């Protein structure tokens, strides 16, 4: 399936844009993460990169649907 991924911060820089469309043959968040790190190895350095589906943080085993809105949320620092 083709999915659109919104990216922010370092993930946006690594993937080359704020909205990226990818072909994804898998079905789960874990498989998506593995595919993205394989395609964009620098994402692997973002150790606490979270994936949100429909504006909710998603567990690795969540199954994706073609209509889902995906966002990569990089580590956030603050004080």
N, C-alpha and C. Protein backbone atom coordinates (compact mmCIF):
# COMPACT_ATOMS: atom_id res chain seq x y z
N UNK A 1 0.84 -1.18 0.00
CA UNK A 1 0.00 0.00 0.00
C UNK A 1 0.88 1.24 0.00
N UNK A 2 0.36 2.32 -0.50
CA UNK A 2 1.06 3.60 -0.44
C UNK A 2 0.54 4.36 0.78
N UNK A 3 1.49 4.89 1.55
CA UNK A 3 1.10 5.67 2.71
C UNK A 3 1.83 7.00 2.70
N UNK A 4 1.20 8.00 3.27
CA UNK A 4 1.83 9.30 3.43
C UNK A 4 2.26 9.46 4.88
N UNK A 5 3.48 9.96 5.04
CA UNK A 5 4.05 10.12 6.37
C UNK A 5 4.42 11.58 6.57
N UNK A 6 3.89 12.17 7.64
CA UNK A 6 4.28 13.53 8.03
C UNK A 6 5.53 13.42 8.89
N UNK A 7 6.51 14.27 8.62
CA UNK A 7 7.76 14.21 9.35
C UNK A 7 8.05 15.57 10.00
N UNK A 8 8.78 15.52 11.10
CA UNK A 8 9.10 16.72 11.86
C UNK A 8 10.55 16.67 12.31
N UNK A 9 11.14 17.85 12.53
CA UNK A 9 12.49 17.94 13.08
C UNK A 9 13.51 17.18 12.27
N UNK A 10 14.40 16.44 12.96
CA UNK A 10 15.45 15.71 12.26
C UNK A 10 14.91 14.69 11.25
N UNK A 11 13.79 14.07 11.54
CA UNK A 11 13.21 13.10 10.60
C UNK A 11 12.84 13.79 9.29
N UNK A 12 12.37 15.00 9.38
CA UNK A 12 12.02 15.77 8.18
C UNK A 12 13.26 16.03 7.33
N UNK A 13 14.35 16.41 7.98
CA UNK A 13 15.60 16.66 7.26
C UNK A 13 16.13 15.38 6.63
N UNK A 14 16.08 14.28 7.36
CA UNK A 14 16.60 13.00 6.87
C UNK A 14 15.80 12.51 5.66
N UNK A 15 14.48 12.65 5.73
CA UNK A 15 13.62 12.10 4.67
C UNK A 15 13.36 13.09 3.54
N UNK A 16 13.83 14.33 3.70
CA UNK A 16 13.77 15.29 2.60
C UNK A 16 12.45 15.99 2.40
N UNK A 17 11.64 16.10 3.42
CA UNK A 17 10.39 16.83 3.27
C UNK A 17 9.44 16.60 4.42
N UNK A 18 8.45 17.45 4.51
CA UNK A 18 7.48 17.37 5.59
C UNK A 18 6.39 16.35 5.36
N UNK A 19 6.18 15.98 4.10
CA UNK A 19 5.18 14.97 3.76
C UNK A 19 5.80 14.06 2.71
N UNK A 20 5.98 12.80 3.07
CA UNK A 20 6.65 11.84 2.20
C UNK A 20 5.70 10.68 1.93
N UNK A 21 5.60 10.28 0.66
CA UNK A 21 4.79 9.11 0.32
C UNK A 21 5.71 7.94 0.05
N UNK A 22 5.41 6.80 0.66
CA UNK A 22 6.21 5.59 0.47
C UNK A 22 5.31 4.42 0.12
N UNK A 23 5.87 3.47 -0.62
CA UNK A 23 5.20 2.20 -0.86
C UNK A 23 5.59 1.29 0.28
N UNK A 24 4.61 0.71 0.93
CA UNK A 24 4.85 -0.10 2.12
C UNK A 24 4.19 -1.46 1.96
N UNK A 25 5.00 -2.52 1.81
CA UNK A 25 4.44 -3.86 1.61
C UNK A 25 4.00 -4.54 2.91
N UNK A 26 4.38 -3.99 4.06
CA UNK A 26 4.07 -4.63 5.34
C UNK A 26 2.71 -4.24 5.86
N UNK A 27 2.54 -4.49 7.18
CA UNK A 27 1.24 -4.17 7.75
C UNK A 27 1.32 -3.52 9.13
N UNK A 28 2.42 -3.68 9.86
CA UNK A 28 2.47 -3.17 11.24
C UNK A 28 3.44 -1.99 11.38
N UNK A 29 3.30 -1.29 12.49
CA UNK A 29 4.20 -0.19 12.81
C UNK A 29 5.64 -0.68 12.87
N UNK A 30 5.87 -1.83 13.48
CA UNK A 30 7.22 -2.39 13.58
C UNK A 30 7.82 -2.62 12.19
N UNK A 31 7.01 -3.15 11.27
CA UNK A 31 7.49 -3.38 9.90
C UNK A 31 7.74 -2.05 9.19
N UNK A 32 6.89 -1.06 9.44
CA UNK A 32 7.10 0.26 8.85
C UNK A 32 8.40 0.86 9.35
N UNK A 33 8.64 0.79 10.65
CA UNK A 33 9.87 1.33 11.23
C UNK A 33 11.10 0.67 10.60
N UNK A 34 11.08 -0.66 10.47
CA UNK A 34 12.20 -1.39 9.87
C UNK A 34 12.42 -0.96 8.42
N UNK A 35 11.35 -0.81 7.66
CA UNK A 35 11.45 -0.40 6.27
C UNK A 35 12.01 1.02 6.16
N UNK A 36 11.55 1.92 7.03
CA UNK A 36 12.03 3.30 6.99
C UNK A 36 13.51 3.39 7.34
N UNK A 37 13.95 2.63 8.35
CA UNK A 37 15.37 2.65 8.73
C UNK A 37 16.23 2.03 7.63
N UNK A 38 15.69 1.03 6.94
CA UNK A 38 16.41 0.44 5.81
C UNK A 38 16.55 1.44 4.67
N UNK A 39 15.50 2.20 4.42
CA UNK A 39 15.50 3.18 3.33
C UNK A 39 16.25 4.45 3.70
N UNK A 40 16.12 4.87 4.94
CA UNK A 40 16.75 6.09 5.47
C UNK A 40 17.56 5.71 6.71
N UNK A 41 18.78 5.16 6.52
CA UNK A 41 19.56 4.65 7.66
C UNK A 41 19.77 5.67 8.79
N UNK A 42 19.84 6.94 8.47
CA UNK A 42 20.06 7.96 9.51
C UNK A 42 18.91 8.00 10.52
N UNK A 43 17.72 7.52 10.14
CA UNK A 43 16.61 7.46 11.10
C UNK A 43 16.94 6.55 12.28
N UNK A 44 17.79 5.56 12.06
CA UNK A 44 18.19 4.64 13.11
C UNK A 44 18.90 5.32 14.26
N UNK A 45 19.47 6.49 14.01
CA UNK A 45 20.16 7.24 15.07
C UNK A 45 19.19 7.99 15.97
N UNK A 46 17.94 8.10 15.56
CA UNK A 46 16.92 8.78 16.38
C UNK A 46 16.30 7.73 17.29
N UNK A 47 16.96 7.44 18.40
CA UNK A 47 16.61 6.30 19.24
C UNK A 47 15.20 6.35 19.81
N UNK A 48 14.68 7.51 20.07
CA UNK A 48 13.34 7.55 20.66
C UNK A 48 12.30 8.08 19.67
N UNK A 49 12.50 7.78 18.38
CA UNK A 49 11.55 8.18 17.35
C UNK A 49 10.23 7.45 17.57
N UNK A 50 9.16 8.22 17.72
CA UNK A 50 7.84 7.64 17.91
C UNK A 50 7.03 7.75 16.63
N UNK A 51 6.11 6.82 16.45
CA UNK A 51 5.23 6.85 15.30
C UNK A 51 3.81 7.02 15.81
N UNK A 52 3.14 8.01 15.27
CA UNK A 52 1.74 8.26 15.62
C UNK A 52 0.86 7.87 14.44
N UNK A 53 -0.28 7.28 14.75
CA UNK A 53 -1.27 6.92 13.74
C UNK A 53 -2.57 7.63 14.12
N UNK A 54 -3.05 8.43 13.20
CA UNK A 54 -4.28 9.20 13.45
C UNK A 54 -4.17 10.02 14.74
N UNK A 55 -2.99 10.64 14.92
CA UNK A 55 -2.69 11.55 16.03
C UNK A 55 -2.62 10.88 17.40
N UNK A 56 -2.38 9.57 17.42
CA UNK A 56 -2.21 8.83 18.68
C UNK A 56 -0.95 7.98 18.55
N UNK A 57 -0.08 8.02 19.58
CA UNK A 57 1.11 7.18 19.54
C UNK A 57 0.71 5.73 19.37
N UNK A 58 1.39 5.03 18.47
CA UNK A 58 0.99 3.67 18.10
C UNK A 58 1.97 2.63 18.64
N UNK A 59 1.45 1.51 19.14
CA UNK A 59 2.32 0.40 19.55
C UNK A 59 2.88 -0.29 18.31
N UNK A 60 4.02 -0.95 18.48
CA UNK A 60 4.70 -1.61 17.35
C UNK A 60 3.83 -2.63 16.64
N UNK A 61 2.92 -3.27 17.35
CA UNK A 61 2.11 -4.34 16.74
C UNK A 61 0.85 -3.82 16.05
N UNK A 62 0.61 -2.52 16.10
CA UNK A 62 -0.60 -1.97 15.46
C UNK A 62 -0.57 -2.20 13.95
N UNK A 63 -1.68 -2.66 13.40
CA UNK A 63 -1.82 -2.89 11.97
C UNK A 63 -2.28 -1.59 11.31
N UNK A 64 -1.59 -1.22 10.24
CA UNK A 64 -1.91 0.01 9.53
C UNK A 64 -3.00 -0.22 8.48
N UNK A 65 -3.78 0.82 8.25
CA UNK A 65 -4.82 0.81 7.22
C UNK A 65 -4.44 1.88 6.17
N UNK A 66 -4.84 1.69 4.92
CA UNK A 66 -4.47 2.66 3.87
C UNK A 66 -4.95 4.08 4.16
N UNK A 67 -5.97 4.24 4.95
CA UNK A 67 -6.50 5.58 5.23
C UNK A 67 -5.88 6.24 6.46
N UNK A 68 -4.98 5.54 7.15
CA UNK A 68 -4.36 6.09 8.36
C UNK A 68 -3.47 7.28 8.04
N UNK A 69 -3.42 8.21 8.97
CA UNK A 69 -2.50 9.34 8.92
C UNK A 69 -1.31 8.98 9.81
N UNK A 70 -0.12 8.96 9.23
CA UNK A 70 1.09 8.56 9.94
C UNK A 70 1.96 9.78 10.18
N UNK A 71 2.57 9.87 11.37
CA UNK A 71 3.51 10.95 11.67
C UNK A 71 4.70 10.37 12.42
N UNK A 72 5.89 10.83 12.05
CA UNK A 72 7.11 10.47 12.77
C UNK A 72 7.41 11.59 13.75
N UNK A 73 7.45 11.26 15.02
CA UNK A 73 7.68 12.24 16.08
C UNK A 73 9.08 12.02 16.63
N UNK A 74 10.01 12.96 16.37
CA UNK A 74 11.38 12.79 16.85
C UNK A 74 11.48 13.08 18.34
N UNK A 75 12.65 12.77 18.92
CA UNK A 75 12.87 13.09 20.33
C UNK A 75 12.66 14.58 20.57
N UNK A 76 12.08 14.91 21.71
CA UNK A 76 11.81 16.30 22.06
C UNK A 76 12.60 16.63 23.31
N UNK A 77 13.33 17.74 23.25
CA UNK A 77 14.08 18.21 24.42
C UNK A 77 13.42 19.47 24.94
N UNK A 78 13.56 19.69 26.19
CA UNK A 78 13.00 20.92 26.75
C UNK A 78 13.28 21.02 28.22
N UNK A 79 12.84 22.08 28.77
CA UNK A 79 13.13 22.25 30.18
C UNK A 79 12.01 22.93 30.90
